[in-house]
Amino acid sequence: MKNIKNILQMSLLIVLTQITLVLLTTPLSKSLTFQQSSFVFLFILFFVDYFIFVIFPEN
């Protein structure tokens, strides 16, 4: 169970990093500053980690 949780966290981290990189490199992100987008990324990452912790509590 802990192995599944680690794999999920790693894959989600990779996916979120890719999404953030894409968002930062598109012209649409000019409306957001780098600080704002990194803050949003950290908030999403924290939320996902909390969500995984709730779904897969360590026994």
Protein backbone atom coordinates (compact mmCIF):
# COMPACT_ATOMS: atom_id res chain seq x y z
CA MET A 1 0.00 0.00 0.00
CA LYS A 2 2.82 2.40 0.80
CA ASN A 3 4.48 1.48 -2.50
CA ILE A 4 1.33 2.42 -4.43
CA LYS A 5 1.18 5.74 -2.60
CA ASN A 6 4.80 6.53 -3.46
CA ILE A 7 4.27 5.68 -7.14
CA LEU A 8 1.15 7.85 -7.24
CA GLN A 9 2.94 10.78 -5.64
CA MET A 10 5.85 10.52 -8.05
CA SER A 11 3.64 10.30 -11.13
CA LEU A 12 1.48 13.20 -9.97
CA LEU A 13 4.56 15.28 -9.27
CA ILE A 14 5.88 14.61 -12.78
CA VAL A 15 2.53 15.39 -14.40
CA LEU A 16 2.09 18.61 -12.42
CA THR A 17 5.61 19.70 -13.27
CA GLN A 18 4.99 19.12 -16.97
CA ILE A 19 1.69 21.00 -16.84
CA THR A 20 3.36 23.90 -15.04
CA LEU A 21 6.19 24.02 -17.55
CA VAL A 22 3.71 24.07 -20.43
CA LEU A 23 1.68 26.81 -18.76
CA LEU A 24 4.77 28.88 -18.09
CA THR A 25 6.01 28.61 -21.67
CA THR A 26 2.70 29.48 -23.35
CA PRO A 27 1.91 33.12 -24.17
CA LEU A 28 -1.26 32.82 -22.08
CA SER A 29 0.81 32.77 -18.91
CA LYS A 30 1.98 36.33 -19.55
CA SER A 31 -1.00 37.47 -17.52
CA LEU A 32 0.37 35.53 -14.55
CA THR A 33 3.72 36.39 -13.11
CA PHE A 34 6.21 33.65 -12.37
CA GLN A 35 5.66 34.13 -8.64
CA GLN A 36 1.90 33.69 -8.95
CA SER A 37 2.15 30.56 -11.08
CA SER A 38 4.72 28.97 -8.79
CA PHE A 39 2.47 29.74 -5.82
CA VAL A 40 -0.47 28.11 -7.61
CA PHE A 41 1.73 25.12 -8.45
CA LEU A 42 2.81 24.71 -4.82
CA PHE A 43 -0.78 25.03 -3.62
CA ILE A 44 -1.94 22.34 -6.08
CA LEU A 45 0.94 20.10 -5.07
CA PHE A 46 0.11 20.50 -1.38
CA PHE A 47 -3.57 19.81 -2.06
CA VAL A 48 -2.76 16.65 -4.05
CA ASP A 49 -0.43 15.37 -1.34
CA TYR A 50 -3.11 15.96 1.28
CA PHE A 51 -5.68 14.23 -0.92
CA ILE A 52 -3.42 11.18 -1.35
CA PHE A 53 -2.81 11.09 2.38
CA VAL A 54 -6.57 11.05 2.99
CA ILE A 55 -7.23 8.35 0.39
CA PHE A 56 -4.32 6.11 1.40
CA PRO A 57 -3.73 6.54 5.11
CA GLU A 58 -0.65 4.78 6.38
CA ASN A 59 -1.58 1.74 8.44
